Structures are given as structure tokens and as C-alpha cells.
Amino acid sequence: MTVPGIAITGMACLFPQAPGPEAFWDNVLSGVSAIGEPPADWGGDLVVDPSAESDDRLPTARGGYLGDLAEFDPLALGVMPSGLDGAEPEHALALRVGWEALADAGCDADTVDGERTEVVLGRGTYVNRGFVAFLQHTFAVEQTLRVLRTLHPEHTPQELAEIKRELKAGLPPFTPETAPGLVSSVMCGRIANRLDLMGPAFVVDAACASSLIAIDVGMSDLLAGKCDRVVAGGVQVSSSFPIQLIFARLGALSRSGQLRPFSADADGTLLGEGIGMVVLRRLRDAERDGDRIYAVIRAVGTASDGRGAGVLAPRVEGEVLAMRRAYERADVAPGTVGLVEAHGTATPVGDAAELDALTRVFGENGSTPAHCALGSVKSMIGHTIPAAGAAGIIKAALALHHRVLPPTLHCESPHPALRRSAFFLNDEPRPWVHGARSPRRAAVSAFGFGGIDAHAILEEHGGSR
């Protein structure tokens, strides 16, 4: 059964060196690498040792950091500043980006039907800055005091109370005002509250596939008539040391400090920070109202890996199933896709599995030239985990909108498996020349830890040009 199209009528984002979609697209076309060292207050110099095998060391702290772009004017959106300091910064920044996405779609307080507008965002349950501060206020301070009591029993209760006050004074505040900012679901609730949106508002956690799962949920609700407009995407504002340590323990971080998707030299990923959101409407409604349409999402296919080699190991069969479900729902052939924005994390195992899955679905190249561009924006901004799929959707939608095949970085040594595939690593922007009868089409993949796989199919609005 073919699924009716869903229009992308607005978008907004905040990615490294890109305060919005225009800057993001300019950086993509210019091949700008936003990968760099962490901010001065991150503390990376204390925990990085490329040669160490210690459990509390990282091979690198390089990544895609927002830095000074992570700005928010609380009064502009009616938020009390006292409720932000010490809370998760993503709550405030998600509100900013959600408002910008609706504005880009031509919505304001007078034109948006709040009762029929839904907010669904992908968000991980990682320990970010706000929650780290909360843990320091509680467990860390109390553990420090217990150590002091053991090592220095001469301290009086009054002295220990003063030490406790001093320890807490050096931390971000934890107050009744900041407490809601540590609850994951409140992020979407805050957007709904400030923008007066009364449709469903919730977060989903599907690890690195979270954004595409959020978009899939939003599309399903639109098609079921549960709402008329959806703000969907993903959020990952803080690539803090605890998150980096998880990836280091899994052996996923690059030791060379370089993220090279689908390269023979790939040695791991680098984490990034960012937010991406799109505004979705039923295509027929967007066309009726004369909305600007960046691209049309034809379908999202999803699957889980089932019984693989391990709960975190990618399974080719699961990725293949997600892709095939997407093409079946969209009723289009994989061969009509001219651009694949891949998951492409640059981990050797993950990239090899993804190339295998793509080859099984798209077929081998044979003797004809490779016809489909392959890339990963992670080479430019890092792996933004739950926001990764949103970055891919925005990149693919803009590529269709502008009819340009965008480049990816670090293509000097393509993975050997590409030789027999239908894909080529695109290393420079190219006009998307298209002589086929079908519209230009792009696909976006996002695969999450734990075996959740998602594959989206987009096409240009208005047919082949």
C-alpha cells in the first residue's frame, strides 16, 4: 500500500558552526569541517590520552561542539532565567529551534492551530550537563564528605557543614525552578507550553535512530488524522565526558581524531552536538495552502535487528529489512534514488555492515558506472546521536530543494566494498543532473544502538526538472 506524501514545510537547526539551515547548507557545500577541540571549560585535557587503555581516559576529545552558538534569550520566549541555570541546556535551545522551525513554515501565534499541532522529538537519556550538576549536588558532595570524615575525623560537624556549603556554591544551582529542566519529557512540554500547542508533545529514545523514529511517529499521526502539523526532529546539545566515555568503552571513538565515513582508513566516530527540527504537513494540505515545500517524505521504514551477534552489534538483515519496508511503503524502486545520506559513523564494523545492506537492496554495480551518491554529514559535524537523523533529513531535503548533490569529507581512500556497489563517495558539490521520468529522490538512514534501524525516502516537490 502506497503511503501519501508528507511535506516538509519548515526547518530549523543548530549545528556546529551553523546557527541555522542556511549556514548549515553553506557549510555542507563548502566542505567545512566543524570538528575541533572541546571548549575550554569542558575539561578534556584531564581525561584524554590517545595511548592509554585506562577505563577513565578517552582516545580523543575532538568532536563537533556548539560552543558560543548555544545561545538563548529567555525573555524573548517568556521563560524565567532562574529556571535555566543548572537545568539541561537542551530544554531552552529546543524551544528556540522549535519556534524558529514554525516561523520558517510561516506559522505564528495568529496562524498556527495549536490544538492540531504535535511535537515529537528524539532525545537520548544520556547524562548531560544539567544532570551531571544534579549528581554532583547529591552523590558527589556526600561521597566527598564521607571521605573527609574518614581521613580527617577531627573535623567538627560545623566544619563539615561549611565545607558542604562551599562545595555546593561552586556548582550550578539545583532549585525547585531548575528541577523540571532535568526531566526529559518536559523539553517537549516546554515547547508546547510557550508556543501554546495542544497536540501530543513527547520525546522518543531510539538511540541514534531517534530523529527518524520521531519523524515516522509524526507522519503516522498526520496520516491518521490525529493532528494537522508536526514539529519533529532530534536534540543532542551536550557531548559531555560521561557520554564520550560510553562510546570509548565500546571502542567506537576514533583514535586518530578524524571521522572518515566509508573510508578504508576509518577508525571510529567522533561525537557532535546539535538540534534539527522539521515541520511536517500532509502534502495535499500544504499544496492547498500554498506552503513552501522543501521536499516530500514518501515513507520511513523501520525494523529491529532481532537476534544478532550482540545487542549492540549491527546486523545487516535488520538494516536490509528497514530499507525494503521503506521502498515497499513508498512504492518506489531503490534504483530511482540518486543520493543516500547514510548513517556512516566511520566505525569499521558499522560502515561495513551498512555497505553490505545497501548493496543487497540497491544491487551490485556490475560493469556500469556507479550512479548513486553516498555521503554522511557526520564527516563535517560529528555524530549527533539522537539528532543525527534530523541532520541527515535537513541535508537531503535541501539537496533536493536546490537540486545539488552535496559533498562529504575524507573520501581519499574509499572502502573496498564500494568497488562493487552502485555508490560513489561524492567529494564535491555537483549539479543534480536528472533525466529520468521520476522525481529526484534521496534516502536517509539512521541506525541506533540496541538494533533499531530506520530508512527514510524523500523526493523533490513538483516532479522531475
Protein backbone atom coordinates (compact mmCIF):
# COMPACT_ATOMS: atom_id res chain seq x y z
CA MET A 1 0.00 0.00 0.00
CA THR A 2 1.47 3.36 -1.06
CA VAL A 3 1.64 5.94 1.72
CA PRO A 4 0.52 9.51 0.84
CA GLY A 5 3.33 12.05 0.85
CA ILE A 6 4.25 14.22 3.80
CA ALA A 7 5.58 17.69 3.04
CA ILE A 8 8.48 19.36 4.84
CA THR A 9 7.23 22.95 5.07
CA GLY A 10 9.69 24.36 7.58
CA MET A 11 13.01 23.60 9.18
CA ALA A 12 15.43 24.95 11.74
CA CYS A 13 18.67 23.71 13.19
CA LEU A 14 21.63 24.45 15.38
CA PHE A 15 24.75 22.50 14.47
CA PRO A 16 28.48 23.17 14.94
CA GLN A 17 29.39 26.40 13.11
CA ALA A 18 25.82 26.58 11.79
CA PRO A 19 23.19 28.66 13.64
CA GLY A 20 20.52 27.79 11.07
CA PRO A 21 19.71 25.85 7.88
CA GLU A 22 21.23 28.43 5.53
CA ALA A 23 24.61 28.37 7.30
CA PHE A 24 24.39 24.59 7.62
CA TRP A 25 23.81 24.20 3.87
CA ASP A 26 26.58 26.68 3.02
CA ASN A 27 28.98 24.71 5.21
CA VAL A 28 27.96 21.45 3.57
CA LEU A 29 28.51 22.82 0.07
CA SER A 30 31.82 24.42 1.07
CA GLY A 31 33.09 21.24 2.71
CA VAL A 32 33.59 22.96 6.06
CA SER A 33 34.74 20.69 8.85
CA ALA A 34 33.24 21.81 12.14
CA ILE A 35 35.23 19.17 14.05
CA GLY A 36 37.54 20.65 16.66
CA GLU A 37 38.75 20.60 20.22
CA PRO A 38 36.24 20.91 23.06
CA PRO A 39 35.53 24.25 24.77
CA ALA A 40 37.99 25.41 27.39
CA ASP A 41 35.64 24.58 30.27
CA TRP A 42 34.98 21.01 29.06
CA GLY A 43 37.96 19.57 30.97
CA GLY A 44 39.08 17.34 28.10
CA ASP A 45 42.77 17.88 28.89
CA LEU A 46 42.26 15.98 32.12
CA VAL A 47 40.81 12.85 30.56
CA VAL A 48 42.37 12.47 27.10
CA ASP A 49 45.25 10.10 26.47
CA PRO A 50 45.38 8.54 22.98
CA SER A 51 47.81 5.84 24.11
CA ALA A 52 46.15 4.93 27.38
CA GLU A 53 43.89 1.93 27.95
CA SER A 54 42.62 3.23 31.28
CA ASP A 55 38.89 2.95 31.93
CA ASP A 56 38.61 6.68 32.67
CA ARG A 57 40.51 8.02 29.66
CA LEU A 58 39.40 8.94 26.15
CA PRO A 59 41.43 8.44 22.98
CA THR A 60 40.29 11.89 21.83
CA ALA A 61 38.02 14.71 22.89
CA ARG A 62 37.68 16.12 19.38
CA GLY A 63 34.16 16.48 18.10
CA GLY A 64 31.55 18.86 16.75
CA TYR A 65 30.85 21.34 19.54
CA LEU A 66 28.27 24.13 19.51
CA GLY A 67 30.40 26.46 21.64
CA ASP A 68 29.16 30.05 21.61
CA LEU A 69 26.30 29.19 19.24
CA ALA A 70 24.41 27.65 22.17
CA GLU A 71 22.67 30.92 23.00
CA PHE A 72 19.14 31.51 24.22
CA ASP A 73 17.23 34.67 25.08
CA PRO A 74 14.79 33.52 27.79
CA LEU A 75 12.73 36.69 27.93
CA ALA A 76 12.03 36.63 24.19
CA LEU A 77 10.09 33.39 24.65
CA GLY A 78 8.67 34.06 28.08
CA VAL A 79 10.98 31.86 30.13
CA MET A 80 12.19 32.88 33.57
CA PRO A 81 16.02 32.97 33.60
CA SER A 82 16.05 31.47 37.11
CA GLY A 83 14.66 28.24 35.68
CA LEU A 84 17.50 27.73 33.22
CA ASP A 85 20.75 27.92 35.17
CA GLY A 86 21.57 24.38 36.27
CA ALA A 87 18.95 22.74 34.04
CA GLU A 88 19.62 20.78 30.87
CA PRO A 89 20.53 23.41 28.24
CA GLU A 90 18.76 21.42 25.54
CA HIS A 91 15.38 22.40 27.00
CA ALA A 92 15.96 26.06 26.24
CA LEU A 93 17.68 25.52 22.91
CA ALA A 94 15.00 23.10 21.73
CA LEU A 95 12.39 25.77 22.46
CA ARG A 96 14.38 28.26 20.38
CA VAL A 97 14.77 25.88 17.44
CA GLY A 98 11.13 24.74 17.61
CA TRP A 99 9.96 28.35 17.44
CA GLU A 100 12.33 29.01 14.51
CA ALA A 101 11.08 25.93 12.63
CA LEU A 102 7.45 27.03 12.92
CA ALA A 103 8.39 30.56 11.89
CA ASP A 104 10.20 29.16 8.85
CA ALA A 105 6.98 27.32 7.97
CA GLY A 106 5.11 30.63 8.03
CA CYS A 107 3.42 29.97 11.37
CA ASP A 108 2.88 32.48 14.14
CA ALA A 109 0.52 32.79 17.09
CA ASP A 110 -2.27 34.01 14.79
CA THR A 111 -1.95 31.38 12.05
CA VAL A 112 -0.98 28.15 13.75
CA ASP A 113 -3.75 25.89 15.02
CA GLY A 114 -2.22 24.96 18.36
CA GLU A 115 -4.83 22.33 19.13
CA ARG A 116 -3.82 20.41 15.99
CA THR A 117 -0.02 20.78 16.25
CA GLU A 118 2.11 17.96 17.64
CA VAL A 119 5.69 17.99 18.94
CA VAL A 120 7.73 14.78 18.94
CA LEU A 121 11.49 14.87 19.35
CA GLY A 122 14.22 12.29 19.59
CA ARG A 123 16.24 12.66 22.75
CA GLY A 124 18.67 10.29 24.47
CA THR A 125 18.73 9.50 28.17
CA TYR A 126 22.44 10.21 28.41
CA VAL A 127 23.89 12.05 31.38
CA ASN A 128 24.19 15.63 30.14
CA ARG A 129 25.38 18.83 31.80
CA GLY A 130 22.34 19.55 33.91
CA PHE A 131 22.04 16.03 35.27
CA VAL A 132 25.80 15.92 35.97
CA ALA A 133 25.36 19.01 38.12
CA PHE A 134 22.45 17.34 39.94
CA LEU A 135 24.58 14.24 40.64
CA GLN A 136 27.36 16.46 41.93
CA HIS A 137 24.93 18.23 44.26
CA THR A 138 23.83 14.92 45.72
CA PHE A 139 26.07 11.86 45.39
CA ALA A 140 29.39 13.59 44.71
CA VAL A 141 29.13 16.06 47.59
CA GLU A 142 28.03 13.39 50.06
CA GLN A 143 30.78 10.99 48.96
CA THR A 144 33.36 13.75 49.36
CA LEU A 145 32.15 14.42 52.89
CA ARG A 146 32.32 10.72 53.78
CA VAL A 147 35.91 10.58 52.58
CA LEU A 148 36.74 13.66 54.63
CA ARG A 149 35.18 12.17 57.74
CA THR A 150 37.28 9.04 57.29
CA LEU A 151 40.57 10.80 56.55
CA HIS A 152 40.09 13.72 58.94
CA PRO A 153 37.92 12.65 61.88
CA GLU A 154 38.99 15.83 63.74
CA HIS A 155 36.61 17.94 61.64
CA THR A 156 33.59 19.10 63.60
CA PRO A 157 30.05 18.85 62.23
CA GLN A 158 30.06 22.62 61.86
CA GLU A 159 33.25 22.50 59.76
CA LEU A 160 31.84 19.73 57.57
CA ALA A 161 28.63 21.72 57.06
CA GLU A 162 30.69 24.71 55.95
CA ILE A 163 32.68 22.52 53.52
CA LYS A 164 29.40 21.19 52.14
CA ARG A 165 28.14 24.76 51.57
CA GLU A 166 31.38 25.67 49.80
CA LEU A 167 31.23 22.59 47.57
CA LYS A 168 27.65 23.34 46.55
CA ALA A 169 28.41 27.02 46.00
CA GLY A 170 30.83 26.08 43.24
CA LEU A 171 28.16 24.13 41.33
CA PRO A 172 25.30 25.31 39.11
CA PRO A 173 22.16 25.74 41.21
CA PHE A 174 19.68 22.96 41.88
CA THR A 175 16.40 24.57 42.93
CA PRO A 176 12.66 23.94 42.53
CA GLU A 177 12.82 26.21 39.46
CA THR A 178 15.56 24.20 37.74
CA ALA A 179 14.28 20.73 38.69
CA PRO A 180 11.77 20.48 35.77
CA GLY A 181 14.66 21.17 33.40
CA LEU A 182 16.15 17.80 34.31
CA VAL A 183 13.09 15.80 33.25
CA SER A 184 13.34 14.55 29.68
CA SER A 185 9.69 14.88 28.70
CA VAL A 186 9.50 18.47 29.92
CA MET A 187 11.59 19.51 26.91
CA CYS A 188 8.63 18.99 24.56
CA GLY A 189 6.22 20.16 27.22
CA ARG A 190 8.06 23.47 27.46
CA ILE A 191 7.77 23.98 23.70
CA ALA A 192 4.04 23.22 23.84
CA ASN A 193 3.61 25.50 26.85
CA ARG A 194 5.42 28.53 25.48
CA LEU A 195 4.00 28.23 21.95
CA ASP A 196 0.51 27.19 23.11
CA LEU A 197 0.47 23.89 21.23
CA MET A 198 -2.10 21.41 22.49
CA GLY A 199 -1.42 18.37 20.33
CA PRO A 200 0.62 15.48 21.74
CA ALA A 201 4.09 16.55 22.91
CA PHE A 202 6.60 13.88 23.88
CA VAL A 203 10.10 12.55 23.40
CA VAL A 204 11.23 9.22 21.96
CA ASP A 205 14.52 7.45 22.63
CA ALA A 206 15.72 5.15 19.87
CA ALA A 207 19.40 5.99 20.35
CA CYS A 208 20.99 7.13 17.09
CA ALA A 209 17.75 6.47 15.15
CA SER A 210 15.66 8.72 17.41
CA SER A 211 15.11 11.55 14.91
CA LEU A 212 13.83 9.30 12.14
CA ILE A 213 11.62 7.40 14.57
CA ALA A 214 10.19 10.73 15.77
CA ILE A 215 9.51 11.73 12.17
CA ASP A 216 7.92 8.35 11.49
CA VAL A 217 5.62 8.76 14.51
CA GLY A 218 4.69 12.26 13.39
CA MET A 219 3.93 11.07 9.85
CA SER A 220 1.73 8.28 11.16
CA ASP A 221 -0.24 10.72 13.33
CA LEU A 222 -0.71 13.09 10.38
CA LEU A 223 -1.96 10.30 8.14
CA ALA A 224 -4.28 9.02 10.88
CA GLY A 225 -5.81 12.49 11.22
CA LYS A 226 -4.67 12.92 14.82
CA CYS A 227 -3.07 16.27 14.02
CA ASP A 228 -2.54 18.66 11.10
CA ARG A 229 1.03 19.78 11.74
CA VAL A 230 4.02 18.15 13.43
CA VAL A 231 7.29 19.55 14.68
CA ALA A 232 9.69 16.60 14.66
CA GLY A 233 13.42 16.09 14.95
CA GLY A 234 16.14 15.36 17.45
CA VAL A 235 18.24 17.02 20.14
CA GLN A 236 21.77 16.43 21.45
CA VAL A 237 23.19 19.58 22.99
CA SER A 238 25.91 18.28 25.28
CA SER A 239 28.59 15.77 24.31
CA SER A 240 29.84 15.58 27.87
CA PHE A 241 32.59 13.40 29.23
CA PRO A 242 30.22 10.64 30.51
CA ILE A 243 28.70 10.24 27.02
CA GLN A 244 32.12 10.22 25.40
CA LEU A 245 33.27 7.63 27.91
CA ILE A 246 30.40 5.30 26.94
CA PHE A 247 31.47 5.42 23.30
CA ALA A 248 35.13 4.98 24.29
CA ARG A 249 34.30 1.89 26.36
CA LEU A 250 32.52 0.45 23.34
CA GLY A 251 35.62 1.05 21.22
CA ALA A 252 33.66 3.37 18.92
CA LEU A 253 35.70 6.59 19.24
CA SER A 254 38.35 7.40 16.68
CA ARG A 255 41.92 7.25 17.96
CA SER A 256 43.17 9.41 15.12
CA GLY A 257 40.68 12.20 15.90
CA GLN A 258 39.28 12.07 12.37
CA LEU A 259 35.85 10.86 11.25
CA ARG A 260 36.14 9.18 7.82
CA PRO A 261 32.84 7.56 6.73
CA PHE A 262 33.19 4.64 4.32
CA SER A 263 36.94 5.02 4.17
CA ALA A 264 39.48 2.23 4.20
CA ASP A 265 41.23 4.29 6.91
CA ALA A 266 38.17 4.74 9.15
CA ASP A 267 38.96 4.04 12.80
CA GLY A 268 35.91 5.25 14.66
CA THR A 269 33.47 8.08 15.17
CA LEU A 270 33.55 11.49 16.85
CA LEU A 271 30.60 12.89 18.73
CA GLY A 272 28.80 16.09 17.86
CA GLU A 273 26.25 18.45 19.33
CA GLY A 274 23.18 19.83 17.64
CA ILE A 275 19.45 20.18 17.17
CA GLY A 276 17.45 19.69 14.00
CA MET A 277 13.70 20.03 13.51
CA VAL A 278 11.33 19.93 10.55
CA VAL A 279 7.69 20.95 10.27
CA LEU A 280 5.55 18.29 8.61
CA ARG A 281 2.13 18.52 6.96
CA ARG A 282 0.06 16.28 4.75
CA LEU A 283 1.16 17.06 1.20
CA ARG A 284 -2.36 17.78 -0.01
CA ASP A 285 -2.87 20.32 2.80
CA ALA A 286 0.47 22.03 2.17
CA GLU A 287 -0.28 22.31 -1.56
CA ARG A 288 -3.80 23.59 -0.88
CA ASP A 289 -2.48 26.35 1.39
CA GLY A 290 0.39 27.33 -0.88
CA ASP A 291 3.12 26.39 1.61
CA ARG A 292 6.76 26.38 0.58
CA ILE A 293 7.73 22.71 0.35
CA TYR A 294 11.38 21.81 0.74
CA ALA A 295 10.83 18.15 -0.08
CA VAL A 296 8.32 15.34 0.32
CA ILE A 297 8.87 12.36 2.60
CA ARG A 298 7.39 9.34 0.90
CA ALA A 299 7.96 6.77 3.64
CA VAL A 300 10.05 5.71 6.62
CA GLY A 301 10.83 2.03 7.03
CA THR A 302 11.81 0.66 10.42
CA ALA A 303 13.00 -2.66 11.79
CA SER A 304 14.94 -4.15 14.66
CA ASP A 305 17.95 -6.42 14.34
CA GLY A 306 16.46 -9.36 16.16
CA ARG A 307 18.92 -11.98 17.35
CA GLY A 308 22.25 -10.68 16.11
CA ALA A 309 25.79 -11.31 17.28
CA GLY A 310 25.19 -8.99 20.24
CA VAL A 311 22.71 -6.38 21.40
CA LEU A 312 24.97 -3.57 20.18
CA ALA A 313 26.38 -5.25 17.08
CA PRO A 314 24.86 -4.09 13.77
CA ARG A 315 23.01 -6.79 11.85
CA VAL A 316 22.85 -6.47 8.09
CA GLU A 317 19.49 -8.29 7.88
CA GLY A 318 17.84 -5.70 10.15
CA GLU A 319 19.10 -2.78 8.09
CA VAL A 320 18.01 -4.50 4.88
CA LEU A 321 14.53 -5.11 6.28
CA ALA A 322 14.11 -1.43 7.26
CA MET A 323 15.16 -0.33 3.78
CA ARG A 324 12.94 -2.79 1.96
CA ARG A 325 9.95 -1.80 4.10
CA ALA A 326 10.54 1.85 3.18
CA TYR A 327 10.64 1.17 -0.57
CA GLU A 328 7.60 -1.08 -0.35
CA ARG A 329 5.60 1.56 1.51
CA ALA A 330 6.70 4.30 -0.85
CA ASP A 331 6.15 2.07 -3.89
CA VAL A 332 9.40 3.22 -5.49
CA ALA A 333 12.45 1.30 -6.67
CA PRO A 334 15.81 1.81 -4.92
CA GLY A 335 17.35 2.43 -8.34
CA THR A 336 15.42 5.73 -8.60
CA VAL A 337 17.35 7.16 -5.62
CA GLY A 338 20.24 9.42 -6.59
CA LEU A 339 21.55 10.32 -3.13
CA VAL A 340 21.89 8.31 0.08
CA GLU A 341 22.65 10.23 3.23
CA ALA A 342 23.95 7.25 5.15
CA HIS A 343 24.28 6.54 8.85
CA GLY A 344 28.03 6.46 8.14
CA THR A 345 29.55 6.72 11.62
CA ALA A 346 33.03 5.65 10.41
CA THR A 347 33.26 2.69 12.74
CA PRO A 348 34.78 -0.14 10.68
CA VAL A 349 32.15 -2.70 11.69
CA GLY A 350 29.23 -0.32 11.27
CA ASP A 351 30.30 1.02 7.88
CA ALA A 352 30.96 -2.47 6.52
CA ALA A 353 27.51 -3.66 7.64
CA GLU A 354 25.82 -0.61 6.12
CA LEU A 355 27.60 -1.01 2.78
CA ASP A 356 26.60 -4.68 2.73
CA ALA A 357 22.96 -3.78 3.43
CA LEU A 358 22.91 -1.04 0.79
CA THR A 359 24.41 -3.38 -1.80
CA ARG A 360 21.82 -6.06 -1.05
CA VAL A 361 18.98 -3.57 -1.50
CA PHE A 362 20.33 -1.48 -4.38
CA GLY A 363 22.17 -4.29 -6.13
CA GLU A 364 25.76 -4.55 -7.25
CA ASN A 365 27.23 -2.14 -9.74
CA GLY A 366 28.37 -4.62 -12.34
CA SER A 367 30.09 -3.06 -15.34
CA THR A 368 28.14 0.24 -15.35
CA PRO A 369 29.41 3.36 -13.55
CA ALA A 370 28.19 3.85 -10.00
CA HIS A 371 25.08 6.04 -10.21
CA CYS A 372 24.13 6.94 -6.64
CA ALA A 373 25.97 9.49 -4.50
CA LEU A 374 26.76 8.34 -0.98
CA GLY A 375 27.72 10.55 1.93
CA SER A 376 27.47 11.29 5.63
CA VAL A 377 27.24 14.74 7.18
CA LYS A 378 28.91 13.27 10.26
CA SER A 379 32.21 13.83 8.46
CA MET A 380 31.56 17.56 8.93
CA ILE A 381 29.74 17.92 12.26
CA GLY A 382 30.35 14.65 14.11
CA HIS A 383 27.82 12.07 15.24
CA THR A 384 24.99 13.94 16.96
CA ILE A 385 23.45 10.68 18.21
CA PRO A 386 19.65 11.29 18.57
CA ALA A 387 19.89 14.39 16.35
CA ALA A 388 21.85 12.56 13.61
CA GLY A 389 18.80 11.60 11.57
CA ALA A 390 17.50 15.17 11.70
CA ALA A 391 20.80 16.46 10.34
CA GLY A 392 20.54 13.91 7.53
CA ILE A 393 16.92 14.78 6.73
CA ILE A 394 17.68 18.52 6.56
CA LYS A 395 20.74 17.91 4.36
CA ALA A 396 18.82 15.62 1.99
CA ALA A 397 15.78 17.94 1.83
CA LEU A 398 17.98 20.92 0.96
CA ALA A 399 19.84 18.86 -1.64
CA LEU A 400 16.51 18.09 -3.32
CA HIS A 401 15.27 21.67 -2.92
CA HIS A 402 18.40 23.13 -4.54
CA ARG A 403 18.98 20.16 -6.89
CA VAL A 404 22.60 19.76 -5.82
CA LEU A 405 24.49 16.61 -4.84
CA PRO A 406 26.36 17.67 -1.70
CA PRO A 407 29.89 16.55 -0.84
CA THR A 408 31.15 14.52 2.07
CA LEU A 409 34.64 14.80 3.55
CA HIS A 410 37.63 12.43 3.75
CA CYS A 411 36.91 10.42 0.60
CA GLU A 412 40.58 9.90 -0.29
CA SER A 413 40.60 6.13 0.38
CA PRO A 414 37.14 4.66 -0.34
CA HIS A 415 36.15 1.43 1.38
CA PRO A 416 36.94 -1.57 -0.86
CA ALA A 417 33.29 -2.69 -0.78
CA LEU A 418 32.34 0.41 -2.78
CA ARG A 419 34.03 -1.01 -5.88
CA ARG A 420 31.22 -3.49 -6.48
CA SER A 421 28.39 -1.25 -5.31
CA ALA A 422 26.04 1.17 -7.03
CA PHE A 423 27.51 4.05 -4.99
CA PHE A 424 30.26 6.61 -5.25
CA LEU A 425 31.54 8.86 -2.47
CA ASN A 426 30.78 12.38 -3.59
CA ASP A 427 33.68 14.66 -2.66
CA GLU A 428 32.50 17.93 -4.24
CA PRO A 429 29.16 19.67 -4.87
CA ARG A 430 27.69 18.74 -8.23
CA PRO A 431 24.56 19.87 -10.06
CA TRP A 432 22.00 17.13 -9.64
CA VAL A 433 21.56 16.39 -13.34
CA HIS A 434 18.49 14.25 -13.72
CA GLY A 435 17.00 12.94 -16.93
CA ALA A 436 14.69 10.29 -15.52
CA ARG A 437 10.90 10.43 -15.65
CA SER A 438 10.63 10.02 -11.87
CA PRO A 439 11.37 12.89 -9.46
CA ARG A 440 14.79 13.25 -7.86
CA ARG A 441 14.89 11.08 -4.78
CA ALA A 442 17.12 10.81 -1.73
CA ALA A 443 17.28 8.38 1.16
CA VAL A 444 18.40 8.88 4.76
CA SER A 445 19.44 6.12 7.16
CA ALA A 446 19.81 6.14 10.92
CA PHE A 447 20.65 3.06 12.96
CA GLY A 448 20.54 3.01 16.74
CA PHE A 449 22.38 1.08 19.44
CA GLY A 450 20.21 -1.82 20.52
CA GLY A 451 19.25 -2.71 16.98
CA ILE A 452 16.68 -0.14 15.84
CA ASP A 453 17.03 0.69 12.13
CA ALA A 454 15.28 3.43 10.14
CA HIS A 455 15.43 4.42 6.48
CA ALA A 456 13.54 7.41 5.01
CA ILE A 457 12.78 8.12 1.36
CA LEU A 458 12.42 11.73 0.19
CA GLU A 459 11.68 13.21 -3.21
CA GLU A 460 11.62 16.67 -4.74
CA HIS A 461 8.32 18.51 -4.88
CA GLY A 462 6.97 19.22 -8.31
CA GLY A 463 8.33 16.25 -10.24
CA SER A 464 11.41 15.85 -12.39
CA ARG A 465 13.13 19.09 -13.53
